Protein backbone atom coordinates (compact mmCIF):
# COMPACT_ATOMS: atom_id res chain seq x y z
CA ASN A 1 86.07 104.25 87.81
CA ILE A 2 84.54 105.81 91.38
CA VAL A 3 86.22 105.67 95.02
CA GLY A 4 83.48 105.11 97.73
CA PRO A 5 81.00 106.29 98.75
CA ASN A 6 81.27 107.07 102.63
CA CYS A 7 84.79 107.18 102.48
CA MET A 8 87.89 109.92 102.81
CA GLY A 9 89.46 108.85 99.17
CA ILE A 10 93.31 108.68 98.66
CA TYR A 11 96.39 109.91 100.20
CA SER A 12 99.85 110.05 98.34
CA ALA A 13 103.02 111.43 100.18
CA ARG A 14 104.72 111.61 96.65
CA GLY A 15 101.80 113.70 95.41
CA ARG A 16 101.11 115.84 98.49
CA ILE A 17 97.07 114.33 97.96
CA SER A 18 95.08 114.14 101.21
CA ALA A 19 91.39 114.24 101.92
CA TRP A 20 92.86 114.08 105.93
CA GLY A 21 94.39 117.35 105.96
CA LYS A 22 97.66 117.96 106.86
CA LEU A 23 99.57 114.34 106.80
CA PRO A 24 103.57 113.82 106.37
CA THR A 25 105.16 114.51 103.39
CA GLU A 26 107.70 111.70 103.59
CA VAL A 27 107.41 109.09 101.25
CA GLY A 28 107.62 105.64 102.70
CA PRO A 29 107.35 102.30 101.59
CA ILE A 30 104.04 101.34 103.08
CA SER A 31 100.67 101.57 101.14
CA MET A 32 97.49 100.72 102.99
CA ILE A 33 93.89 99.90 101.61
CA SER A 34 91.18 100.99 104.43
CA GLN A 35 87.05 101.14 104.42
CA SER A 36 87.83 103.46 107.07
CA GLY A 37 88.70 106.98 106.42
CA ALA A 38 89.12 108.05 109.98
CA LEU A 39 91.69 105.04 110.62
CA GLY A 40 93.88 105.59 107.21
CA GLY A 41 94.47 109.32 108.16
CA GLU A 42 94.76 108.27 111.89
CA PHE A 43 96.92 105.47 110.97
CA SER A 44 99.60 107.35 108.78
CA ARG A 45 99.93 110.16 111.46
CA LEU A 46 100.86 107.46 114.31
CA ALA A 47 103.19 105.47 111.90
CA ALA A 48 105.11 108.94 111.04
CA ASP A 49 105.52 109.34 114.85
CA LEU A 50 107.18 105.95 114.86
CA ARG A 51 109.34 106.92 111.50
CA LEU A 52 107.47 104.69 109.66
CA PHE A 53 106.39 106.59 106.42
CA MET A 54 103.20 105.70 104.30
CA ASN A 55 103.35 105.86 100.54
CA LYS A 56 99.97 105.89 99.33
CA VAL A 57 96.67 105.44 101.53
CA ILE A 58 93.30 104.30 99.92
CA SER A 59 89.92 104.78 101.90
CA TYR A 60 87.27 102.90 99.95
CA GLY A 61 84.47 103.01 102.31
CA ASN A 62 81.37 100.87 100.91
CA GLY A 63 83.46 99.74 97.74
CA TYR A 64 80.40 100.36 95.27
CA VAL A 65 82.19 100.11 92.29
CA LEU A 66 85.81 99.26 93.21
CA ASP A 67 86.52 96.55 96.24
CA CYS A 68 89.82 96.05 97.96
CA THR A 69 90.93 93.22 95.66
CA ASP A 70 91.15 96.10 92.69
CA TYR A 71 93.44 98.20 95.08
CA LEU A 72 95.38 95.47 96.29
CA GLU A 73 95.97 94.66 92.55
CA HIS A 74 97.42 98.36 91.80
CA PHE A 75 99.77 98.04 94.99
CA ALA A 76 101.26 94.57 93.88
CA THR A 77 102.55 96.42 91.08
CA ASP A 78 103.59 99.83 92.29
CA PRO A 79 107.30 99.95 92.50
CA GLU A 80 107.31 102.23 95.52
CA THR A 81 105.14 99.96 97.47
CA ARG A 82 107.18 97.62 99.68
CA TYR A 83 104.33 96.49 102.30
CA ILE A 84 100.91 96.51 102.37
CA GLY A 85 98.44 96.87 105.03
CA MET A 86 94.27 96.79 104.89
CA TYR A 87 91.53 97.41 107.21
CA LEU A 88 88.66 95.44 105.78
CA GLU A 89 85.12 95.55 107.61
CA GLY A 90 83.71 93.54 104.73
CA VAL A 91 84.97 91.53 101.77
CA ARG A 92 83.22 90.97 98.37
CA ASP A 93 85.12 87.93 97.30
CA GLY A 94 87.05 86.36 99.98
CA GLY A 95 88.30 83.46 97.73
CA LYS A 96 89.53 86.12 95.68
CA LEU A 97 91.28 88.16 98.17
CA LEU A 98 92.99 84.91 99.60
CA GLN A 99 94.18 84.16 96.63
CA MET A 100 95.87 87.53 95.72
CA VAL A 101 97.33 87.54 99.25
CA GLN A 102 99.03 84.12 98.56
CA GLU A 103 100.38 85.24 95.41
CA ILE A 104 101.68 88.98 96.78
CA GLY A 105 102.57 88.36 100.06
CA PRO A 106 105.89 86.66 99.22
CA GLU A 107 107.09 89.61 97.35
CA LYS A 108 105.39 92.38 99.43
CA PRO A 109 104.48 91.52 103.04
CA ILE A 110 100.63 92.05 103.61
CA VAL A 111 99.02 92.76 107.19
CA ILE A 112 95.22 92.43 107.06
CA LEU A 113 93.11 93.62 110.18
CA LYS A 114 89.44 92.99 110.25
CA GLY A 115 87.01 95.32 111.69
CA GLY A 116 85.88 93.93 115.30
CA LEU A 117 88.63 92.60 116.44
CA GLN A 118 91.31 93.60 118.74
CA VAL A 119 95.09 93.13 117.71
CA ASP A 120 98.56 93.97 119.03
CA LEU A 121 101.27 94.34 116.50
CA ARG A 122 104.44 95.04 117.19
CA VAL A 123 107.61 95.96 114.62
CA VAL A 124 110.74 94.14 115.74
CA LYS A 125 114.34 94.61 114.75
CA PRO A 126 115.52 91.46 113.26
CA GLU A 127 118.05 91.03 116.17
CA SER A 128 114.98 90.64 118.35
CA TYR A 129 112.41 88.50 116.16
CA GLY A 130 113.14 85.06 117.60
CA ALA A 131 112.29 86.57 121.47
CA ALA A 132 109.07 88.25 119.89
CA LEU A 133 107.95 85.37 118.09
CA GLN A 134 108.84 83.37 121.53
CA TYR A 135 107.20 85.78 124.08
CA LEU A 136 104.07 87.05 122.16
CA THR A 137 103.03 83.91 120.37
CA GLY A 138 103.24 81.69 123.40
CA SER A 139 100.63 81.24 126.50
CA LYS A 140 100.65 83.65 129.03
CA GLU A 141 101.59 80.57 131.44
CA HIS A 142 104.70 79.92 129.29
CA ASN A 143 105.84 83.35 129.07
CA VAL A 144 105.49 83.32 133.46
CA VAL A 145 107.47 79.71 133.55
CA LEU A 146 110.15 81.12 131.30
CA ARG A 147 110.67 84.44 133.28
CA GLY A 148 110.95 82.27 136.09
CA ILE A 149 113.79 80.06 134.83
CA ALA A 150 115.60 82.88 133.55
CA ALA A 151 115.23 85.03 136.78
CA LYS A 152 116.87 81.87 138.55
CA LYS A 153 119.80 82.61 136.15
CA GLY A 154 120.06 85.70 136.62
CA LEU A 155 118.40 87.18 133.17
CA LYS A 156 115.52 88.81 132.33
CA VAL A 157 113.31 87.69 129.06
CA ASN A 158 110.83 90.06 127.05
CA GLU A 159 109.84 90.57 123.89
CA TYR A 160 113.06 92.44 122.79
CA GLY A 161 115.76 89.50 123.76
CA VAL A 162 117.33 88.00 126.97
CA PHE A 163 119.38 89.93 128.99
CA ARG A 164 121.91 89.84 131.46
CA GLY A 165 121.84 93.23 133.32
CA SER A 166 121.71 95.62 130.52
CA ARG A 167 123.68 93.44 128.06
CA LYS A 168 121.52 91.74 125.37
CA ILE A 169 122.93 87.92 125.11
CA ALA A 170 120.26 86.50 122.95
CA GLY A 171 117.06 87.05 120.78
CA ARG A 172 117.73 86.87 117.41
CA THR A 173 116.20 83.00 116.84
CA GLU A 174 114.02 80.99 118.97
CA ALA A 175 116.51 78.74 119.74
CA GLU A 176 118.90 81.44 121.35
CA VAL A 177 116.15 82.34 123.69
């Protein structure tokens, strides 16, 4: 089979294979499927700056022979892949992709970004999950009201938790917040 055309090919940290030039050689748990070659390489560099290392990246461009579901099937059974990221500009069989995500997702979390959409993806530690969920999924008005209530009590609220001065007092669950 053939990868592409109009792509950058593959990157393997363990195999030290890269079409993107010098990329990190530290092996991580994240693998990525990308229709954009430039994005796959740049994401690998930016993730490494955060000490999040990639395992493999496949840039498949126009997907003439193999599509995103073929690569997803591979990563689903790859023991070195614990998390899967996808950047898609178009999907050949959306129903098949949805079914695969539903089957694989509980074992290996999958983040899919669609070309043309702007997203803010935050990775937080488990002790801040409730605060992040509360802070980043509510409306702006809700957050303004919540911060106002906290300020009257001498507290500060953000996506990392509830603080009294510099001491974190809550944030693991939404109920705590």
